[in-house]
Amino acid sequence: MATAVCACSGGGAPSPSPQVESTSSQDASTIAADAYVWGLPLVVTMRTMQTLAPSIGVNHLFAQQQLSDATSRTVVAPNVDTLYDVTVLDLRSGPVVLTVPEIHDRYYSFQFLGMNTEAFAYVGTRATGGAAGSWVIAPPGWDGALPPADRLISAPTPLVFLLGRFLVLSADDLPTARAVMAQVRLEPLAPQSGEAGSAASSLGAPPGTPQSVADAGAAFFDELGDVLAISPPASEADRAALARFAAIGIGPGRHPAADATPDSRAALAKGVADGAARVKQELTSSTDSVNGWYSHQHLGQYGDDFLLHAAIAQAGWGANVPQRRPPALSPTCRCARVSSESSKPPG
């Protein structure tokens, strides 16, 4: 995947990565497997954003106009009674402001996902009581002045995925639901030059789909290095993990596969294969089964459970926290199924 930061090697033969060369092949592949599991959510997220940005823009609300059916592909396993607002946020040029009207006639929510796929904030029926308001979504480290009456949402990463869900009560209610969605606004906090969505090209083009990350082999770690250059780890657990992975040359802006000897590159590739096998196994071994459907009860916020985090990123990217309705996994299609938000009154 060509990410927003894509460093290229200089001329001549690549010099071997000293970290990989000083680590035995067995140790390197073990560390690489752990690094693949840890880094998978980041790479899946970047590829998802890169795939969506050319069609929906960046920092621009893309409001679905029709209810989903079997042909719908924008949202993973969508509800058939929900309209979606899908937005890729790039906060590197400054905060944006989400403004919503008072909404009490239906359930709705806006879910904020960081680059690591963790849900770090919500606006909506449950989270904010359906009240009208404006929320400033700011990048890490922002300390600017907040407009009066606006509320601050501090993003843990400079790229954010925003997913809105609006309940449609019936076929006759569809025009009303669209009208409600049309009142939602997203605009930069400070005036910026250029048209909305013009930053789409800054994300680059993905070299593959979000579902085929493991096919990159050893080059996965070069792709991960580019993503880390944009979004370095924020939590203590993530920083500790990345410090360990540095032993095989993994880090922000680094390309251990491009700089490795054939033997070291093979060790990195084996780590990817082993890590992908772990993720696949996790999808079936840590789930609760009910009538052939598998559900996870610890979604959306993963702490240091890197394996569960990777499994959900692979099978059900963008999963809600359990309080917003837990997904279930089909044993046949392995995609996330979010239970209908109309099945129970939202709490």
Protein backbone atom coordinates (compact mmCIF):
# COMPACT_ATOMS: atom_id res chain seq x y z
CA MET A 1 0.00 0.00 0.00
CA ALA A 2 1.25 3.44 -0.89
CA THR A 3 0.57 5.33 2.28
CA ALA A 4 0.63 9.05 2.95
CA VAL A 5 4.26 8.76 3.97
CA CYS A 6 6.02 6.56 1.44
CA ALA A 7 9.80 6.67 1.84
CA CYS A 8 11.83 5.07 -0.94
CA SER A 9 15.26 3.51 -0.79
CA GLY A 10 18.13 5.31 -2.41
CA GLY A 11 20.13 4.02 -5.35
CA GLY A 12 22.32 0.97 -5.22
CA ALA A 13 21.87 -2.29 -3.34
CA PRO A 14 19.89 -2.08 -0.09
CA SER A 15 21.92 -2.36 3.07
CA PRO A 16 20.85 -5.16 5.42
CA SER A 17 18.81 -4.08 8.41
CA PRO A 18 21.17 -4.45 11.42
CA GLN A 19 18.30 -5.29 13.74
CA VAL A 20 17.10 -8.20 11.61
CA GLU A 21 20.62 -9.45 10.91
CA SER A 22 21.54 -9.53 14.62
CA THR A 23 18.47 -11.59 15.51
CA SER A 24 18.24 -15.31 14.73
CA SER A 25 15.73 -16.28 12.03
CA GLN A 26 13.62 -18.16 14.57
CA ASP A 27 13.54 -15.24 16.98
CA ALA A 28 12.91 -12.79 14.15
CA SER A 29 9.92 -14.76 12.83
CA THR A 30 8.47 -15.02 16.36
CA ILE A 31 8.78 -11.28 16.91
CA ALA A 32 7.44 -10.64 13.40
CA ALA A 33 4.34 -12.76 14.11
CA ASP A 34 3.64 -10.71 17.23
CA ALA A 35 4.23 -7.50 15.27
CA TYR A 36 1.84 -8.60 12.53
CA VAL A 37 -0.91 -9.23 15.08
CA TRP A 38 -0.22 -5.89 16.75
CA GLY A 39 0.01 -3.87 13.55
CA LEU A 40 -2.86 -5.45 11.60
CA PRO A 41 -5.57 -3.02 12.84
CA LEU A 42 -3.47 -0.02 11.79
CA VAL A 43 -2.84 -1.32 8.28
CA VAL A 44 -6.45 -2.46 7.80
CA THR A 45 -7.63 1.01 8.86
CA MET A 46 -5.28 2.83 6.50
CA ARG A 47 -6.27 0.63 3.57
CA THR A 48 -9.95 1.15 4.41
CA MET A 49 -9.51 4.92 4.46
CA GLN A 50 -7.45 4.89 1.26
CA THR A 51 -10.11 2.79 -0.45
CA LEU A 52 -13.00 5.02 0.61
CA ALA A 53 -11.40 8.47 0.26
CA PRO A 54 -11.44 8.73 -3.54
CA SER A 55 -15.20 8.08 -3.67
CA ILE A 56 -16.45 9.83 -0.51
CA GLY A 57 -13.77 12.48 0.00
CA VAL A 58 -11.95 13.50 3.17
CA ASN A 59 -13.48 15.65 5.95
CA HIS A 60 -16.79 15.40 4.13
CA LEU A 61 -19.98 13.70 5.37
CA PHE A 62 -21.09 11.04 2.90
CA ALA A 63 -24.76 10.40 3.69
CA GLN A 64 -26.32 7.18 2.46
CA GLN A 65 -29.64 7.87 0.73
CA GLN A 66 -31.04 4.36 0.40
CA LEU A 67 -31.35 1.52 2.87
CA SER A 68 -28.80 -1.24 2.49
CA ASP A 69 -29.43 -4.50 0.69
CA ALA A 70 -27.35 -7.50 -0.34
CA THR A 71 -25.41 -5.40 -2.86
CA SER A 72 -24.29 -2.73 -0.37
CA ARG A 73 -20.52 -2.59 0.20
CA THR A 74 -19.74 0.72 1.92
CA VAL A 75 -20.43 -0.52 5.48
CA VAL A 76 -19.45 -3.96 6.79
CA ALA A 77 -22.64 -6.05 7.23
CA PRO A 78 -25.02 -3.08 7.42
CA ASN A 79 -28.38 -3.03 9.16
CA VAL A 80 -31.36 -2.97 6.79
CA ASP A 81 -33.17 -0.38 8.93
CA THR A 82 -30.31 2.14 9.17
CA LEU A 83 -28.94 4.97 7.05
CA TYR A 84 -25.21 5.60 7.43
CA ASP A 85 -23.02 8.70 7.41
CA VAL A 86 -19.47 7.68 6.48
CA THR A 87 -16.53 10.07 6.86
CA VAL A 88 -12.76 9.88 6.68
CA LEU A 89 -11.30 12.62 8.88
CA ASP A 90 -7.78 13.94 8.33
CA LEU A 91 -6.98 16.26 11.24
CA ARG A 92 -3.39 16.99 10.27
CA SER A 93 -4.40 20.43 9.01
CA GLY A 94 -6.48 21.22 12.08
CA PRO A 95 -9.68 20.36 13.98
CA VAL A 96 -13.11 19.94 12.41
CA VAL A 97 -16.50 20.66 13.97
CA LEU A 98 -19.43 18.23 13.95
CA THR A 99 -22.78 19.99 14.49
CA VAL A 100 -25.98 18.02 15.00
CA PRO A 101 -29.55 19.19 15.59
CA GLU A 102 -31.76 17.99 18.41
CA ILE A 103 -32.83 14.44 17.49
CA HIS A 104 -35.40 12.73 19.68
CA ASP A 105 -37.67 11.03 17.13
CA ARG A 106 -35.25 8.18 16.38
CA TYR A 107 -32.11 6.44 17.56
CA TYR A 108 -28.86 7.75 16.10
CA SER A 109 -25.16 7.66 16.89
CA PHE A 110 -21.84 8.90 15.57
CA GLN A 111 -18.99 6.55 16.39
CA PHE A 112 -15.41 7.87 16.37
CA LEU A 113 -12.69 5.34 15.53
CA GLY A 114 -8.98 5.98 15.77
CA MET A 115 -6.38 4.47 13.45
CA ASN A 116 -6.13 1.51 15.79
CA THR A 117 -9.91 0.85 15.32
CA GLU A 118 -10.69 1.65 18.96
CA ALA A 119 -13.94 3.54 19.52
CA PHE A 120 -12.83 6.58 21.52
CA ALA A 121 -16.00 8.71 21.50
CA TYR A 122 -19.70 8.74 20.65
CA VAL A 123 -22.28 11.42 19.95
CA GLY A 124 -25.92 10.39 19.81
CA THR A 125 -29.00 9.12 21.56
CA ARG A 126 -27.23 7.23 24.32
CA ALA A 127 -24.00 9.18 24.61
CA THR A 128 -25.31 12.75 24.50
CA GLY A 129 -29.07 12.32 24.99
CA GLY A 130 -29.99 13.42 21.47
CA ALA A 131 -29.30 17.05 22.37
CA ALA A 132 -28.25 19.60 19.78
CA GLY A 133 -24.66 20.72 19.89
CA SER A 134 -21.29 21.15 18.25
CA TRP A 135 -18.26 19.00 18.93
CA VAL A 136 -14.72 20.00 17.99
CA ILE A 137 -12.71 16.95 16.90
CA ALA A 138 -9.07 17.83 17.50
CA PRO A 139 -5.84 16.02 16.61
CA PRO A 140 -3.40 14.79 19.26
CA GLY A 141 -1.69 17.62 21.12
CA TRP A 142 -4.07 20.36 19.96
CA ASP A 143 -4.37 23.15 22.56
CA GLY A 144 -6.22 25.86 20.65
CA ALA A 145 -9.16 27.93 21.80
CA LEU A 146 -12.51 26.18 21.94
CA PRO A 147 -15.51 28.17 20.68
CA PRO A 148 -18.07 29.02 23.39
CA ALA A 149 -20.60 26.22 23.99
CA ASP A 150 -18.68 23.75 21.80
CA ARG A 151 -17.44 20.53 23.34
CA LEU A 152 -14.04 18.97 22.70
CA ILE A 153 -13.36 15.46 21.43
CA SER A 154 -9.63 14.78 21.54
CA ALA A 155 -8.69 12.23 18.89
CA PRO A 156 -5.88 9.81 19.77
CA THR A 157 -4.71 9.70 16.13
CA PRO A 158 -4.53 12.32 13.35
CA LEU A 159 -6.69 10.18 11.04
CA VAL A 160 -10.16 9.26 12.29
CA PHE A 161 -13.05 7.29 10.87
CA LEU A 162 -16.50 8.70 11.66
CA LEU A 163 -19.49 6.39 11.26
CA GLY A 164 -23.02 7.72 11.75
CA ARG A 165 -26.06 5.47 12.15
CA PHE A 166 -29.63 6.74 11.81
CA LEU A 167 -32.60 4.47 12.47
CA VAL A 168 -35.29 4.39 9.79
CA LEU A 169 -38.65 3.50 11.35
CA SER A 170 -40.35 2.34 8.14
CA ALA A 171 -40.28 2.76 4.37
CA ASP A 172 -42.51 5.83 4.74
CA ASP A 173 -40.04 7.27 7.26
CA LEU A 174 -37.12 7.25 4.81
CA PRO A 175 -37.60 10.86 3.57
CA THR A 176 -37.80 12.11 7.16
CA ALA A 177 -34.63 10.25 8.11
CA ARG A 178 -32.82 11.76 5.14
CA ALA A 179 -34.00 15.24 6.16
CA VAL A 180 -32.64 14.72 9.68
CA MET A 181 -29.26 13.60 8.32
CA ALA A 182 -29.13 16.63 6.01
CA GLN A 183 -29.12 18.92 9.05
CA VAL A 184 -25.83 17.48 10.31
CA ARG A 185 -22.81 19.61 9.40
CA LEU A 186 -19.08 18.99 9.33
CA GLU A 187 -16.74 21.92 8.75
CA PRO A 188 -13.19 22.97 9.65
CA LEU A 189 -12.77 24.90 12.88
CA ALA A 190 -10.62 27.44 11.03
CA PRO A 191 -11.20 28.44 7.39
CA GLN A 192 -9.07 26.42 5.00
CA SER A 193 -8.30 26.78 1.33
CA GLY A 194 -9.38 24.15 -1.18
CA GLU A 195 -12.56 22.22 -1.72
CA ALA A 196 -14.03 19.73 0.75
CA GLY A 197 -12.50 16.33 0.21
CA SER A 198 -9.50 17.70 -1.70
CA ALA A 199 -7.14 15.94 0.73
CA ALA A 200 -8.15 12.49 -0.52
CA SER A 201 -4.99 12.15 -2.58
CA SER A 202 -2.82 12.79 0.49
CA LEU A 203 -3.72 9.34 1.80
CA GLY A 204 -2.27 7.58 -1.21
CA ALA A 205 -3.60 4.50 -2.97
CA PRO A 206 -3.81 1.10 -1.26
CA PRO A 207 -1.72 -1.72 -2.76
CA GLY A 208 -4.46 -4.19 -1.84
CA THR A 209 -7.77 -4.57 -0.10
CA PRO A 210 -8.25 -4.36 3.67
CA GLN A 211 -9.12 -8.06 3.58
CA SER A 212 -5.88 -9.12 1.85
CA VAL A 213 -3.29 -7.57 4.14
CA ALA A 214 -1.47 -10.86 4.79
CA ASP A 215 -0.86 -11.25 1.05
CA ALA A 216 1.75 -8.48 1.32
CA GLY A 217 4.10 -10.89 3.03
CA ALA A 218 7.22 -9.28 4.47
CA ALA A 219 6.30 -5.96 2.82
CA PHE A 220 3.53 -5.68 5.43
CA PHE A 221 6.12 -4.29 7.83
CA ASP A 222 7.18 -1.56 5.39
CA GLU A 223 3.53 -0.60 5.04
CA LEU A 224 3.20 -0.59 8.83
CA GLY A 225 6.23 1.69 9.09
CA ASP A 226 4.54 4.24 6.83
CA VAL A 227 1.33 4.14 8.89
CA LEU A 228 3.30 4.54 12.13
CA ALA A 229 4.99 7.63 10.70
CA ILE A 230 1.51 9.21 10.57
CA SER A 231 0.11 7.67 13.72
CA PRO A 232 2.69 6.60 16.33
CA PRO A 233 1.43 4.53 19.28
CA ALA A 234 -0.29 6.50 22.03
CA SER A 235 -0.76 3.97 24.84
CA GLU A 236 1.91 2.61 27.15
CA ALA A 237 1.14 -0.96 26.09
CA ASP A 238 1.50 -0.08 22.41
CA ARG A 239 4.74 1.80 22.97
CA ALA A 240 6.18 -1.15 24.89
CA ALA A 241 5.21 -3.54 22.11
CA LEU A 242 6.75 -1.34 19.43
CA ALA A 243 9.97 -1.05 21.43
CA ARG A 244 10.25 -4.85 21.31
CA PHE A 245 9.54 -4.93 17.57
CA ALA A 246 12.38 -2.47 16.97
CA ALA A 247 14.72 -5.47 17.35
CA ILE A 248 13.77 -6.51 13.81
CA GLY A 249 13.70 -3.01 12.37
CA ILE A 250 9.99 -2.17 12.77
CA GLY A 251 9.12 1.43 13.58
CA PRO A 252 7.78 4.74 12.25
CA GLY A 253 9.00 5.37 8.72
CA ARG A 254 11.11 2.20 8.68
CA HIS A 255 11.14 -0.49 5.97
CA PRO A 256 12.71 -3.68 7.37
CA ALA A 257 11.64 -5.84 4.42
CA ALA A 258 13.08 -3.54 1.78
CA ASP A 259 16.36 -3.35 3.69
CA ALA A 260 16.65 -7.05 4.59
CA THR A 261 18.75 -9.88 3.17
CA PRO A 262 16.84 -12.79 1.57
CA ASP A 263 17.08 -14.88 4.76
CA SER A 264 15.83 -12.04 6.95
CA ARG A 265 13.04 -11.24 4.52
CA ALA A 266 11.98 -14.90 4.64
CA ALA A 267 11.86 -14.69 8.45
CA LEU A 268 9.64 -11.62 8.23
CA ALA A 269 7.35 -13.35 5.73
CA LYS A 270 7.08 -16.39 7.99
CA GLY A 271 6.07 -14.07 10.82
CA VAL A 272 3.26 -12.67 8.70
CA ALA A 273 2.00 -16.16 7.84
CA ASP A 274 2.20 -17.29 11.47
CA GLY A 275 0.52 -14.12 12.72
CA ALA A 276 -2.30 -14.44 10.18
CA ALA A 277 -2.86 -18.03 11.33
CA ARG A 278 -3.15 -16.84 14.94
CA VAL A 279 -5.72 -14.24 13.94
CA LYS A 280 -7.78 -16.83 12.06
CA GLN A 281 -7.69 -19.17 15.04
CA GLU A 282 -8.74 -16.38 17.41
CA LEU A 283 -11.92 -15.80 15.42
CA THR A 284 -13.21 -19.23 16.37
CA SER A 285 -11.57 -19.96 19.72
CA SER A 286 -12.61 -16.93 21.77
CA THR A 287 -16.24 -16.52 20.79
CA ASP A 288 -19.58 -17.40 22.37
CA SER A 289 -21.80 -19.48 20.07
CA VAL A 290 -25.59 -19.12 19.96
CA ASN A 291 -27.49 -20.98 17.24
CA GLY A 292 -24.46 -21.03 14.97
CA TRP A 293 -23.57 -17.33 15.44
CA TYR A 294 -20.44 -16.29 17.31
CA SER A 295 -20.34 -13.15 19.42
CA HIS A 296 -17.58 -11.24 21.20
CA GLN A 297 -18.47 -9.28 24.31
CA HIS A 298 -15.29 -7.18 24.55
CA LEU A 299 -15.28 -5.09 21.40
CA GLY A 300 -14.39 -1.56 20.41
CA GLN A 301 -11.87 -1.05 23.23
CA TYR A 302 -9.17 -3.72 23.51
CA GLY A 303 -6.43 -2.55 25.88
CA ASP A 304 -3.46 -4.90 25.49
CA ASP A 305 -5.47 -7.81 24.01
CA PHE A 306 -3.70 -7.45 20.67
CA LEU A 307 -4.91 -10.79 19.29
CA LEU A 308 -8.62 -10.08 19.81
CA HIS A 309 -8.03 -6.58 18.47
CA ALA A 310 -6.51 -7.98 15.28
CA ALA A 311 -9.23 -10.59 14.84
CA ILE A 312 -12.02 -8.03 15.03
CA ALA A 313 -10.16 -5.64 12.73
CA GLN A 314 -9.92 -8.43 10.18
CA ALA A 315 -13.48 -9.75 10.45
CA GLY A 316 -15.58 -6.83 11.67
CA TRP A 317 -13.67 -3.57 11.26
CA GLY A 318 -15.37 -0.69 13.07
CA ALA A 319 -17.15 -2.80 15.68
CA ASN A 320 -19.22 -0.99 18.30
CA VAL A 321 -18.51 -1.29 21.99
CA PRO A 322 -20.97 -3.76 23.60
CA GLN A 323 -23.11 -0.93 25.02
CA ARG A 324 -23.91 0.08 21.42
CA ARG A 325 -24.92 -3.47 20.43
CA PRO A 326 -22.43 -6.36 20.14
CA PRO A 327 -21.79 -7.91 16.74
CA ALA A 328 -22.01 -11.62 16.02
CA LEU A 329 -19.84 -13.55 13.60
CA SER A 330 -21.28 -15.95 11.08
CA PRO A 331 -19.42 -19.28 11.00
CA THR A 332 -19.66 -19.32 7.21
CA CYS A 333 -18.98 -15.78 5.99
CA ARG A 334 -16.85 -14.55 8.92
CA CYS A 335 -18.15 -11.01 8.63
CA ALA A 336 -19.42 -8.83 11.44
CA ARG A 337 -23.17 -8.74 11.85
CA VAL A 338 -24.41 -5.86 13.96
CA SER A 339 -27.75 -6.73 15.48
CA SER A 340 -30.60 -4.45 14.47
CA GLU A 341 -30.71 -1.32 16.59
CA SER A 342 -34.49 -1.35 16.27
CA SER A 343 -34.79 -4.71 18.06
CA LYS A 344 -34.64 -3.00 21.46
CA PRO A 345 -35.26 0.56 22.57
CA PRO A 346 -31.88 2.26 22.88
CA GLY A 347 -30.93 2.86 26.45
